[in-house]
Amino acid sequence: MQDEKINKIPRLIDEVEKVIFGKRKVIQLTIAALLAGGHVLFEDVPGVGKTLMVKTLAKAIKGTFSRVQFTPDLLPSDVTGVTILNSQTNQFEFRPGPIFTTVLLADEINRTTPRTQAALLEAMSERAVTIDNHTYSLSSHFFVLATQNPVDYEGTYPLPEAQLDRFLFRLSIGYPSFDDELKLMFNNQQAEVAIEQIVSAEEVEELKTLVAEVYVDKQVAKYALQLVTASRNHSAIALGVSPRGSAAFIHGARAYALTQGRTYVTPEDLQTILPAKFGHRLQLKGGYHDTKQLRTVIDQLIEEVPIPVRQVKR
């Protein structure tokens, strides 16, 4: 029965790949974040299929989908909802906002003000929203996929470290390969592709339970912590990975291992997810954002920290 549940994950990836060609690794990491109970931040150029991918994923897990276009004049209540007075009943009624959904696409999240960005903080960490001293629960599978413009674009408000830390992965879909884009040019009716529901809400919950049961050897856990510690001691890094980030590192590796069909974590799993896990949590010295240097630093962390090797007794 457990293998049957795990075998649905590749089918889920295949279903999303019907509309997003050649980006299986990105889809796999996105689904790993969903199973880990985390959220994903996409830093990407427009028009590469982020909205289509999110919509397709929502259909494949039989979830509801909402999209919010973040703009400088967007208010927190535009996201969370508002309490209004019903003149007929003379009672205050709560009108839920688009945040009350299963999958939320927060488009161009760094174009809005920090006040509105903060409206997502409680929802992302506790899956609940407090409005006028009343707390409203969100779906247990509430999943935020946010997009942001590169920070050097005009009219952007950089996300604070506290909010960045709530995203499990930062990913980039990127441009398709030549062959995939050629295929896309002759298949411009992607939105009409029939998407099959692969897993139910109950099965998503069961898969999340299985993630927590994925085995992590003590030596692998030490390796993960050594990578985290190295990020705090690197000469080019001003702010390394937090303790919350280190715990999420292991949980994300468990989820990724499950998407690989395994019930145990390997050092290679940690290395694979490290760029997506560390990229938005590391702050380079000098307070500037240099994607190329950041990638170099991440490669150095992987190269410098020795991989654990199990000794076989003879």
C-alpha atoms as a PDB file:
ATOM      1  CA  MET A   1       0.000   0.000   0.000  1.00  0.00           C
ATOM      2  CA  GLN A   2       2.851   2.393   0.865  1.00  0.00           C
ATOM      3  CA  ASP A   3       4.599   1.691  -2.456  1.00  0.00           C
ATOM      4  CA  GLU A   4       1.322   2.309  -4.274  1.00  0.00           C
ATOM      5  CA  LYS A   5       1.059   5.765  -2.709  1.00  0.00           C
ATOM      6  CA  ILE A   6       4.677   6.625  -3.490  1.00  0.00           C
ATOM      7  CA  ASN A   7       4.244   5.464  -7.094  1.00  0.00           C
ATOM      8  CA  LYS A   8       1.638   8.185  -7.591  1.00  0.00           C
ATOM      9  CA  ILE A   9       4.297  10.886  -7.251  1.00  0.00           C
ATOM     10  CA  PRO A  10       5.943  10.217 -10.662  1.00  0.00           C
ATOM     11  CA  ARG A  11       2.442  10.185 -12.179  1.00  0.00           C
ATOM     12  CA  LEU A  12       1.798  13.578 -10.592  1.00  0.00           C
ATOM     13  CA  ILE A  13       5.044  14.918 -12.059  1.00  0.00           C
ATOM     14  CA  ASP A  14       4.117  13.473 -15.464  1.00  0.00           C
ATOM     15  CA  GLU A  15       0.719  15.172 -15.345  1.00  0.00           C
ATOM     16  CA  VAL A  16       2.219  18.618 -14.738  1.00  0.00           C
ATOM     17  CA  GLU A  17       4.866  17.959 -17.391  1.00  0.00           C
ATOM     18  CA  LYS A  18       2.061  17.695 -19.948  1.00  0.00           C
ATOM     19  CA  VAL A  19       2.005  21.494 -20.077  1.00  0.00           C
ATOM     20  CA  ILE A  20       5.534  22.422 -18.914  1.00  0.00           C
ATOM     21  CA  PHE A  21       7.983  20.770 -21.291  1.00  0.00           C
ATOM     22  CA  GLY A  22      11.503  19.804 -20.267  1.00  0.00           C
ATOM     23  CA  LYS A  23      11.346  21.117 -16.692  1.00  0.00           C
ATOM     24  CA  ARG A  24      10.908  17.862 -14.796  1.00  0.00           C
ATOM     25  CA  LYS A  25      13.453  18.711 -12.072  1.00  0.00           C
ATOM     26  CA  VAL A  26      11.708  22.006 -11.272  1.00  0.00           C
ATOM     27  CA  ILE A  27       8.334  20.242 -11.162  1.00  0.00           C
ATOM     28  CA  GLN A  28       9.788  17.537  -8.930  1.00  0.00           C
ATOM     29  CA  LEU A  29      11.197  20.086  -6.465  1.00  0.00           C
ATOM     30  CA  THR A  30       7.880  21.982  -6.461  1.00  0.00           C
ATOM     31  CA  ILE A  31       5.982  18.805  -5.583  1.00  0.00           C
ATOM     32  CA  ALA A  32       8.620  17.968  -2.950  1.00  0.00           C
ATOM     33  CA  ALA A  33       7.909  21.358  -1.345  1.00  0.00           C
ATOM     34  CA  LEU A  34       4.176  20.601  -1.364  1.00  0.00           C
ATOM     35  CA  LEU A  35       4.727  17.230   0.343  1.00  0.00           C
ATOM     36  CA  ALA A  36       7.084  18.831   2.874  1.00  0.00           C
ATOM     37  CA  GLY A  37       4.416  21.397   3.764  1.00  0.00           C
ATOM     38  CA  GLY A  38       6.612  24.223   2.488  1.00  0.00           C
ATOM     39  CA  HIS A  39       6.220  27.022  -0.045  1.00  0.00           C
ATOM     40  CA  VAL A  40       8.109  27.959  -3.219  1.00  0.00           C
ATOM     41  CA  LEU A  41       9.489  31.272  -4.445  1.00  0.00           C
ATOM     42  CA  PHE A  42      10.106  31.606  -8.188  1.00  0.00           C
ATOM     43  CA  GLU A  43      12.535  34.267  -9.388  1.00  0.00           C
ATOM     44  CA  ASP A  44      12.025  34.231 -13.102  1.00  0.00           C
ATOM     45  CA  VAL A  45      11.408  36.165 -16.279  1.00  0.00           C
ATOM     46  CA  PRO A  46       7.775  36.586 -17.422  1.00  0.00           C
ATOM     47  CA  GLY A  47       6.110  34.170 -19.798  1.00  0.00           C
ATOM     48  CA  VAL A  48       7.849  30.892 -18.931  1.00  0.00           C
ATOM     49  CA  GLY A  49       4.716  29.108 -17.674  1.00  0.00           C
ATOM     50  CA  LYS A  50       4.642  29.675 -13.919  1.00  0.00           C
ATOM     51  CA  THR A  51       0.885  30.357 -13.763  1.00  0.00           C
ATOM     52  CA  LEU A  52       0.083  27.431 -16.020  1.00  0.00           C
ATOM     53  CA  MET A  53       2.209  25.083 -13.917  1.00  0.00           C
ATOM     54  CA  VAL A  54       0.525  26.176 -10.678  1.00  0.00           C
ATOM     55  CA  LYS A  55      -2.969  25.821 -12.151  1.00  0.00           C
ATOM     56  CA  THR A  56      -2.132  22.370 -13.482  1.00  0.00           C
ATOM     57  CA  LEU A  57      -0.754  21.231 -10.124  1.00  0.00           C
ATOM     58  CA  ALA A  58      -3.905  22.450  -8.361  1.00  0.00           C
ATOM     59  CA  LYS A  59      -6.058  20.407 -10.739  1.00  0.00           C
ATOM     60  CA  ALA A  60      -3.904  17.302 -10.366  1.00  0.00           C
ATOM     61  CA  ILE A  61      -4.302  17.328  -6.563  1.00  0.00           C
ATOM     62  CA  LYS A  62      -7.976  18.349  -6.759  1.00  0.00           C
ATOM     63  CA  GLY A  63      -7.318  21.620  -4.983  1.00  0.00           C
ATOM     64  CA  THR A  64      -8.718  25.107  -5.435  1.00  0.00           C
ATOM     65  CA  PHE A  65      -6.582  27.781  -7.077  1.00  0.00           C
ATOM     66  CA  SER A  66      -6.344  31.541  -6.552  1.00  0.00           C
ATOM     67  CA  ARG A  67      -4.065  34.099  -8.143  1.00  0.00           C
ATOM     68  CA  VAL A  68      -3.239  37.512  -6.698  1.00  0.00           C
ATOM     69  CA  GLN A  69      -1.384  40.097  -8.757  1.00  0.00           C
ATOM     70  CA  PHE A  70       0.685  42.045  -6.231  1.00  0.00           C
ATOM     71  CA  THR A  71       0.911  45.767  -7.004  1.00  0.00           C
ATOM     72  CA  PRO A  72       2.134  48.785  -5.000  1.00  0.00           C
ATOM     73  CA  ASP A  73      -1.446  49.781  -4.083  1.00  0.00           C
ATOM     74  CA  LEU A  74      -2.562  46.310  -2.927  1.00  0.00           C
ATOM     75  CA  LEU A  75      -3.832  46.257   0.673  1.00  0.00           C
ATOM     76  CA  PRO A  76      -3.533  43.374   3.182  1.00  0.00           C
ATOM     77  CA  SER A  77      -7.332  43.033   3.225  1.00  0.00           C
ATOM     78  CA  ASP A  78      -7.268  42.489  -0.556  1.00  0.00           C
ATOM     79  CA  VAL A  79      -5.401  39.264   0.184  1.00  0.00           C
ATOM     80  CA  THR A  80      -6.831  38.054   3.497  1.00  0.00           C
ATOM     81  CA  GLY A  81     -10.414  39.329   3.323  1.00  0.00           C
ATOM     82  CA  VAL A  82     -12.435  41.907   5.212  1.00  0.00           C
ATOM     83  CA  THR A  83     -15.222  42.154   7.793  1.00  0.00           C
ATOM     84  CA  ILE A  84     -18.162  44.285   6.645  1.00  0.00           C
ATOM     85  CA  LEU A  85     -21.507  45.281   8.129  1.00  0.00           C
ATOM     86  CA  ASN A  86     -24.536  43.620   6.564  1.00  0.00           C
ATOM     87  CA  SER A  87     -27.178  46.347   6.532  1.00  0.00           C
ATOM     88  CA  GLN A  88     -30.013  43.811   6.322  1.00  0.00           C
ATOM     89  CA  THR A  89     -29.039  41.734   9.347  1.00  0.00           C
ATOM     90  CA  ASN A  90     -27.153  44.519  11.138  1.00  0.00           C
ATOM     91  CA  GLN A  91     -24.382  41.974  11.746  1.00  0.00           C
ATOM     92  CA  PHE A  92     -20.724  42.011  10.798  1.00  0.00           C
ATOM     93  CA  GLU A  93     -19.841  39.372   8.225  1.00  0.00           C
ATOM     94  CA  PHE A  94     -16.454  38.144   7.112  1.00  0.00           C
ATOM     95  CA  ARG A  95     -15.824  38.063   3.378  1.00  0.00           C
ATOM     96  CA  PRO A  96     -12.825  35.766   2.781  1.00  0.00           C
ATOM     97  CA  GLY A  97     -10.106  36.895   0.400  1.00  0.00           C
ATOM     98  CA  PRO A  98      -8.229  34.875  -2.224  1.00  0.00           C
ATOM     99  CA  ILE A  99      -5.891  33.471   0.443  1.00  0.00           C
ATOM    100  CA  PHE A 100      -8.647  30.987   1.366  1.00  0.00           C
ATOM    101  CA  THR A 101      -7.653  28.392  -1.197  1.00  0.00           C
ATOM    102  CA  THR A 102      -5.474  25.319  -1.589  1.00  0.00           C
ATOM    103  CA  VAL A 103      -2.877  26.701  -4.013  1.00  0.00           C
ATOM    104  CA  LEU A 104      -2.171  30.434  -4.035  1.00  0.00           C
ATOM    105  CA  LEU A 105      -0.130  32.067  -6.774  1.00  0.00           C
ATOM    106  CA  ALA A 106       1.294  35.300  -5.381  1.00  0.00           C
ATOM    107  CA  ASP A 107       2.418  36.962  -8.592  1.00  0.00           C
ATOM    108  CA  GLU A 108       5.243  39.533  -8.409  1.00  0.00           C
ATOM    109  CA  ILE A 109       5.145  39.494  -4.613  1.00  0.00           C
ATOM    110  CA  ASN A 110       8.009  41.964  -4.308  1.00  0.00           C
ATOM    111  CA  ARG A 111       6.136  44.688  -6.185  1.00  0.00           C
ATOM    112  CA  THR A 112       3.885  45.334  -3.195  1.00  0.00           C
ATOM    113  CA  THR A 113       4.674  47.080   0.080  1.00  0.00           C
ATOM    114  CA  PRO A 114       6.153  45.286   3.116  1.00  0.00           C
ATOM    115  CA  ARG A 115       2.834  45.760   4.944  1.00  0.00           C
ATOM    116  CA  THR A 116       0.978  43.680   2.352  1.00  0.00           C
ATOM    117  CA  GLN A 117       3.824  41.179   2.071  1.00  0.00           C
ATOM    118  CA  ALA A 118       3.494  40.613   5.829  1.00  0.00           C
ATOM    119  CA  ALA A 119      -0.160  39.598   5.367  1.00  0.00           C
ATOM    120  CA  LEU A 120       1.149  36.243   4.144  1.00  0.00           C
ATOM    121  CA  LEU A 121       3.481  35.573   7.083  1.00  0.00           C
ATOM    122  CA  GLU A 122       0.965  34.021   9.508  1.00  0.00           C
ATOM    123  CA  ALA A 123      -0.745  32.126   6.708  1.00  0.00           C
ATOM    124  CA  MET A 124       2.514  30.598   5.456  1.00  0.00           C
ATOM    125  CA  SER A 125       3.790  29.502   8.861  1.00  0.00           C
ATOM    126  CA  GLU A 126       0.575  28.604  10.701  1.00  0.00           C
ATOM    127  CA  ARG A 127      -1.994  28.110   7.913  1.00  0.00           C
ATOM    128  CA  ALA A 128      -4.319  30.549   9.599  1.00  0.00           C
ATOM    129  CA  VAL A 129      -5.325  34.200   9.239  1.00  0.00           C
ATOM    130  CA  THR A 130      -6.235  36.567  12.090  1.00  0.00           C
ATOM    131  CA  ILE A 131      -8.620  39.376  11.185  1.00  0.00           C
ATOM    132  CA  ASP A 132     -10.331  41.654  13.722  1.00  0.00           C
ATOM    133  CA  ASN A 133      -9.199  39.371  16.586  1.00  0.00           C
ATOM    134  CA  HIS A 134     -10.742  36.310  14.930  1.00  0.00           C
ATOM    135  CA  THR A 135      -8.530  33.489  13.664  1.00  0.00           C
ATOM    136  CA  TYR A 136      -9.676  31.645  10.552  1.00  0.00           C
ATOM    137  CA  SER A 137      -8.094  28.340   9.540  1.00  0.00           C
ATOM    138  CA  LEU A 138      -6.831  27.742   6.022  1.00  0.00           C
ATOM    139  CA  SER A 139      -6.620  24.456   4.153  1.00  0.00           C
ATOM    140  CA  SER A 140      -4.164  21.999   5.714  1.00  0.00           C
ATOM    141  CA  HIS A 141      -2.602  21.820   2.230  1.00  0.00           C
ATOM    142  CA  PHE A 142      -2.335  25.601   1.815  1.00  0.00           C
ATOM    143  CA  PHE A 143       0.537  26.044  -0.601  1.00  0.00           C
ATOM    144  CA  VAL A 144       2.023  29.376  -1.717  1.00  0.00           C
ATOM    145  CA  LEU A 145       3.898  29.640  -4.985  1.00  0.00           C
ATOM    146  CA  ALA A 146       5.151  33.205  -5.233  1.00  0.00           C
ATOM    147  CA  THR A 147       6.971  34.882  -8.085  1.00  0.00           C
ATOM    148  CA  GLN A 148       9.280  37.830  -7.749  1.00  0.00           C
ATOM    149  CA  ASN A 149      11.081  40.076 -10.162  1.00  0.00           C
ATOM    150  CA  PRO A 150      14.872  40.215  -9.882  1.00  0.00           C
ATOM    151  CA  VAL A 151      15.690  42.657  -7.071  1.00  0.00           C
ATOM    152  CA  ASP A 152      17.538  45.045  -9.381  1.00  0.00           C
ATOM    153  CA  TYR A 153      14.306  45.750 -11.309  1.00  0.00           C
ATOM    154  CA  GLU A 154      12.625  49.113 -10.710  1.00  0.00           C
ATOM    155  CA  GLY A 155       9.602  49.301  -8.410  1.00  0.00           C
ATOM    156  CA  THR A 156      10.469  46.308  -6.222  1.00  0.00           C
ATOM    157  CA  TYR A 157      10.434  45.941  -2.430  1.00  0.00           C
ATOM    158  CA  PRO A 158      12.941  43.267  -1.358  1.00  0.00           C
ATOM    159  CA  LEU A 159      11.370  40.567   0.790  1.00  0.00           C
ATOM    160  CA  PRO A 160      12.660  40.681   4.396  1.00  0.00           C
ATOM    161  CA  GLU A 161      14.741  37.763   5.683  1.00  0.00           C
ATOM    162  CA  ALA A 162      11.892  36.618   7.967  1.00  0.00           C
ATOM    163  CA  GLN A 163       9.596  36.113   4.986  1.00  0.00           C
ATOM    164  CA  LEU A 164      12.242  34.613   2.726  1.00  0.00           C
ATOM    165  CA  ASP A 165      12.924  32.050   5.462  1.00  0.00           C
ATOM    166  CA  ARG A 166       9.330  30.802   5.144  1.00  0.00           C
ATOM    167  CA  PHE A 167       9.891  29.640   1.596  1.00  0.00           C
ATOM    168  CA  LEU A 168      11.281  26.118   1.474  1.00  0.00           C
ATOM    169  CA  PHE A 169      12.771  26.474  -2.020  1.00  0.00           C
ATOM    170  CA  ARG A 170      13.630  29.236  -4.449  1.00  0.00           C
ATOM    171  CA  LEU A 171      13.412  27.967  -8.005  1.00  0.00           C
ATOM    172  CA  SER A 172      13.658  29.218 -11.554  1.00  0.00           C
ATOM    173  CA  ILE A 173      11.860  27.618 -14.491  1.00  0.00           C
ATOM    174  CA  GLY A 174      13.983  29.444 -17.038  1.00  0.00           C
ATOM    175  CA  TYR A 175      13.684  29.406 -20.791  1.00  0.00           C
ATOM    176  CA  PRO A 176      12.897  26.071 -22.474  1.00  0.00           C
ATOM    177  CA  SER A 177      15.470  24.290 -24.617  1.00  0.00           C
ATOM    178  CA  PHE A 178      15.394  24.886 -28.374  1.00  0.00           C
ATOM    179  CA  ASP A 179      13.572  21.605 -29.056  1.00  0.00           C
ATOM    180  CA  ASP A 180      11.073  22.120 -26.248  1.00  0.00           C
ATOM    181  CA  GLU A 181      10.301  25.657 -27.389  1.00  0.00           C
ATOM    182  CA  LEU A 182       9.855  24.419 -30.950  1.00  0.00           C
ATOM    183  CA  LYS A 183       7.405  21.831 -29.616  1.00  0.00           C
ATOM    184  CA  LEU A 184       5.664  24.613 -27.681  1.00  0.00           C
ATOM    185  CA  MET A 185       5.288  26.735 -30.821  1.00  0.00           C
ATOM    186  CA  PHE A 186       3.299  23.940 -32.475  1.00  0.00           C
ATOM    187  CA  ASN A 187       1.267  23.213 -29.358  1.00  0.00           C
ATOM    188  CA  ASN A 188      -0.038  26.627 -28.376  1.00  0.00           C
ATOM    189  CA  GLN A 189      -3.276  25.270 -26.946  1.00  0.00           C
ATOM    190  CA  GLN A 190      -1.650  24.086 -23.691  1.00  0.00           C
ATOM    191  CA  ALA A 191      -4.452  25.477 -21.530  1.00  0.00           C
ATOM    192  CA  GLU A 192      -6.869  23.040 -23.183  1.00  0.00           C
ATOM    193  CA  VAL A 193      -4.879  19.919 -22.246  1.00  0.00           C
ATOM    194  CA  ALA A 194      -7.053  17.623 -20.146  1.00  0.00           C
ATOM    195  CA  ILE A 195      -5.540  17.294 -16.675  1.00  0.00           C
ATOM    196  CA  GLU A 196      -6.321  14.184 -14.676  1.00  0.00           C
ATOM    197  CA  GLN A 197      -6.666  14.228 -10.899  1.00  0.00           C
ATOM    198  CA  ILE A 198      -3.821  12.025  -9.681  1.00  0.00           C
ATOM    199  CA  VAL A 199      -4.149  12.308  -5.903  1.00  0.00           C
ATOM    200  CA  SER A 200      -6.954  13.328  -3.567  1.00  0.00           C
ATOM    201  CA  ALA A 201      -6.645  15.604  -0.526  1.00  0.00           C
ATOM    202  CA  GLU A 202      -6.562  12.508   1.697  1.00  0.00           C
ATOM    203  CA  GLU A 203      -3.738  10.997  -0.353  1.00  0.00           C
ATOM    204  CA  VAL A 204      -1.735  14.230  -0.158  1.00  0.00           C
ATOM    205  CA  GLU A 205      -2.115  14.047   3.639  1.00  0.00           C
ATOM    206  CA  GLU A 206      -0.944  10.418   3.611  1.00  0.00           C
ATOM    207  CA  LEU A 207       2.093  11.315   1.499  1.00  0.00           C
ATOM    208  CA  LYS A 208       2.970  14.113   3.913  1.00  0.00           C
ATOM    209  CA  THR A 209       2.862  11.565   6.720  1.00  0.00           C
ATOM    210  CA  LEU A 210       5.204   9.314   4.748  1.00  0.00           C
ATOM    211  CA  VAL A 211       7.667  12.210   4.328  1.00  0.00           C
ATOM    212  CA  ALA A 212       8.070  12.414   8.097  1.00  0.00           C
ATOM    213  CA  GLU A 213       8.863   8.675   8.147  1.00  0.00           C
ATOM    214  CA  VAL A 214      11.671   8.830   5.562  1.00  0.00           C
ATOM    215  CA  TYR A 215      14.846   7.555   7.249  1.00  0.00           C
ATOM    216  CA  VAL A 216      17.798   9.912   7.822  1.00  0.00           C
ATOM    217  CA  ASP A 217      21.034   8.296   8.948  1.00  0.00           C
ATOM    218  CA  LYS A 218      22.905  10.118  11.717  1.00  0.00           C
ATOM    219  CA  GLN A 219      25.925  10.641   9.452  1.00  0.00           C
ATOM    220  CA  VAL A 220      23.717  12.150   6.751  1.00  0.00           C
ATOM    221  CA  ALA A 221      22.140  14.482   9.328  1.00  0.00           C
ATOM    222  CA  LYS A 222      25.626  15.540  10.468  1.00  0.00           C
ATOM    223  CA  TYR A 223      26.554  16.215   6.846  1.00  0.00           C
ATOM    224  CA  ALA A 224      23.498  18.450   6.479  1.00  0.00           C
ATOM    225  CA  LEU A 225      24.450  20.399   9.610  1.00  0.00           C
ATOM    226  CA  GLN A 226      28.049  20.722   8.416  1.00  0.00           C
ATOM    227  CA  LEU A 227      26.777  22.314   5.197  1.00  0.00           C
ATOM    228  CA  VAL A 228      24.616  24.703   7.234  1.00  0.00           C
ATOM    229  CA  THR A 229      27.531  25.563   9.561  1.00  0.00           C
ATOM    230  CA  ALA A 230      29.811  26.147   6.572  1.00  0.00           C
ATOM    231  CA  SER A 231      27.296  28.715   5.267  1.00  0.00           C
ATOM    232  CA  ARG A 232      27.628  30.632   8.542  1.00  0.00           C
ATOM    233  CA  ASN A 233      31.429  30.613   8.470  1.00  0.00           C
ATOM    234  CA  HIS A 234      32.115  31.340   4.790  1.00  0.00           C
ATOM    235  CA  SER A 235      34.180  34.486   4.275  1.00  0.00           C
ATOM    236  CA  ALA A 236      31.837  35.869   1.573  1.00  0.00           C
ATOM    237  CA  ILE A 237      28.583  35.303   3.507  1.00  0.00           C
ATOM    238  CA  ALA A 238      27.197  37.848   5.965  1.00  0.00           C
ATOM    239  CA  LEU A 239      24.086  35.863   6.943  1.00  0.00           C
ATOM    240  CA  GLY A 240      24.040  32.071   6.864  1.00  0.00           C
ATOM    241  CA  VAL A 241      21.245  29.531   7.169  1.00  0.00           C
ATOM    242  CA  SER A 242      19.165  29.800  10.363  1.00  0.00           C
ATOM    243  CA  PRO A 243      18.296  26.891  12.720  1.00  0.00           C
ATOM    244  CA  ARG A 244      14.793  26.931  11.240  1.00  0.00           C
ATOM    245  CA  GLY A 245      16.426  26.645   7.829  1.00  0.00           C
ATOM    246  CA  SER A 246      18.535  23.667   8.919  1.00  0.00           C
ATOM    247  CA  ALA A 247      15.455  21.781  10.152  1.00  0.00           C
ATOM    248  CA  ALA A 248      13.683  22.576   6.871  1.00  0.00           C
ATOM    249  CA  PHE A 249      16.780  21.374   4.982  1.00  0.00           C
ATOM    250  CA  ILE A 250      16.359  17.847   6.378  1.00  0.00           C
ATOM    251  CA  HIS A 251      12.585  17.856   5.894  1.00  0.00           C
ATOM    252  CA  GLY A 252      12.964  19.047   2.308  1.00  0.00           C
ATOM    253  CA  ALA A 253      15.502  16.277   1.658  1.00  0.00           C
ATOM    254  CA  ARG A 254      13.039  13.718   3.017  1.00  0.00           C
ATOM    255  CA  ALA A 255      10.350  14.956   0.641  1.00  0.00           C
ATOM    256  CA  TYR A 256      12.752  14.992  -2.306  1.00  0.00           C
ATOM    257  CA  ALA A 257      13.871  11.419  -1.534  1.00  0.00           C
ATOM    258  CA  LEU A 258      10.221  10.352  -1.585  1.00  0.00           C
ATOM    259  CA  THR A 259       9.752  11.919  -5.035  1.00  0.00           C
ATOM    260  CA  GLN A 260      12.711   9.760  -6.090  1.00  0.00           C
ATOM    261  CA  GLY A 261      10.848   6.665  -4.886  1.00  0.00           C
ATOM    262  CA  ARG A 262      13.097   6.157  -1.848  1.00  0.00           C
ATOM    263  CA  THR A 263      12.336   5.997   1.873  1.00  0.00           C
ATOM    264  CA  TYR A 264      15.794   7.139   2.959  1.00  0.00           C
ATOM    265  CA  VAL A 265      17.888  10.288   2.406  1.00  0.00           C
ATOM    266  CA  THR A 266      21.291  10.245   0.708  1.00  0.00           C
ATOM    267  CA  PRO A 267      24.012  12.930   0.697  1.00  0.00           C
ATOM    268  CA  GLU A 268      23.222  13.435  -3.007  1.00  0.00           C
ATOM    269  CA  ASP A 269      19.669  14.449  -2.071  1.00  0.00           C
ATOM    270  CA  LEU A 270      21.078  17.187   0.157  1.00  0.00           C
ATOM    271  CA  GLN A 271      23.421  18.374  -2.605  1.00  0.00           C
ATOM    272  CA  THR A 272      20.584  18.425  -5.146  1.00  0.00           C
ATOM    273  CA  ILE A 273      18.227  20.567  -3.075  1.00  0.00           C
ATOM    274  CA  LEU A 274      20.941  22.765  -1.538  1.00  0.00           C
ATOM    275  CA  PRO A 275      20.916  25.537  -4.200  1.00  0.00           C
ATOM    276  CA  ALA A 276      17.105  25.796  -4.003  1.00  0.00           C
ATOM    277  CA  LYS A 277      17.219  25.617  -0.200  1.00  0.00           C
ATOM    278  CA  PHE A 278      20.139  27.948   0.546  1.00  0.00           C
ATOM    279  CA  GLY A 279      19.928  30.425  -2.350  1.00  0.00           C
ATOM    280  CA  HIS A 280      17.384  32.800  -0.795  1.00  0.00           C
ATOM    281  CA  ARG A 281      18.630  32.358   2.776  1.00  0.00           C
ATOM    282  CA  LEU A 282      22.217  33.428   2.238  1.00  0.00           C
ATOM    283  CA  GLN A 283      23.120  37.095   2.291  1.00  0.00           C
ATOM    284  CA  LEU A 284      26.439  38.041   0.755  1.00  0.00           C
ATOM    285  CA  LYS A 285      28.698  40.576   2.416  1.00  0.00           C
ATOM    286  CA  GLY A 286      28.278  44.088   1.091  1.00  0.00           C
ATOM    287  CA  GLY A 287      24.481  43.814   1.033  1.00  0.00           C
ATOM    288  CA  TYR A 288      24.256  43.246  -2.711  1.00  0.00           C
ATOM    289  CA  HIS A 289      22.639  40.465  -4.719  1.00  0.00           C
ATOM    290  CA  ASP A 290      24.925  38.765  -7.193  1.00  0.00           C
ATOM    291  CA  THR A 291      23.368  35.559  -8.523  1.00  0.00           C
ATOM    292  CA  LYS A 292      26.575  34.397 -10.179  1.00  0.00           C
ATOM    293  CA  GLN A 293      28.697  34.889  -7.052  1.00  0.00           C
ATOM    294  CA  LEU A 294      26.024  33.262  -4.911  1.00  0.00           C
ATOM    295  CA  ARG A 295      26.075  30.196  -7.135  1.00  0.00           C
ATOM    296  CA  THR A 296      29.882  30.106  -6.861  1.00  0.00           C
ATOM    297  CA  VAL A 297      29.686  30.259  -3.061  1.00  0.00           C
ATOM    298  CA  ILE A 298      27.094  27.451  -2.973  1.00  0.00           C
ATOM    299  CA  ASP A 299      29.338  25.292  -5.188  1.00  0.00           C
ATOM    300  CA  GLN A 300      32.213  25.961  -2.782  1.00  0.00           C
ATOM    301  CA  LEU A 301      30.129  24.787   0.182  1.00  0.00           C
ATOM    302  CA  ILE A 302      29.368  21.507  -1.579  1.00  0.00           C
ATOM    303  CA  GLU A 303      33.008  21.001  -2.607  1.00  0.00           C
ATOM    304  CA  GLU A 304      34.558  21.886   0.759  1.00  0.00           C
ATOM    305  CA  VAL A 305      32.357  19.844   3.100  1.00  0.00           C
ATOM    306  CA  PRO A 306      33.419  16.178   2.976  1.00  0.00           C
ATOM    307  CA  ILE A 307      30.746  13.638   2.032  1.00  0.00           C
ATOM    308  CA  PRO A 308      30.197  10.967   4.691  1.00  0.00           C
ATOM    309  CA  VAL A 309      31.366   7.499   3.699  1.00  0.00           C
ATOM    310  CA  ARG A 310      30.036   4.409   5.459  1.00  0.00           C
ATOM    311  CA  GLN A 311      32.790   2.049   6.528  1.00  0.00           C
ATOM    312  CA  VAL A 312      32.062  -1.588   5.711  1.00  0.00           C
ATOM    313  CA  LYS A 313      33.347  -4.069   8.288  1.00  0.00           C
ATOM    314  CA  ARG A 314      35.055  -7.170   6.953  1.00  0.00           C
END
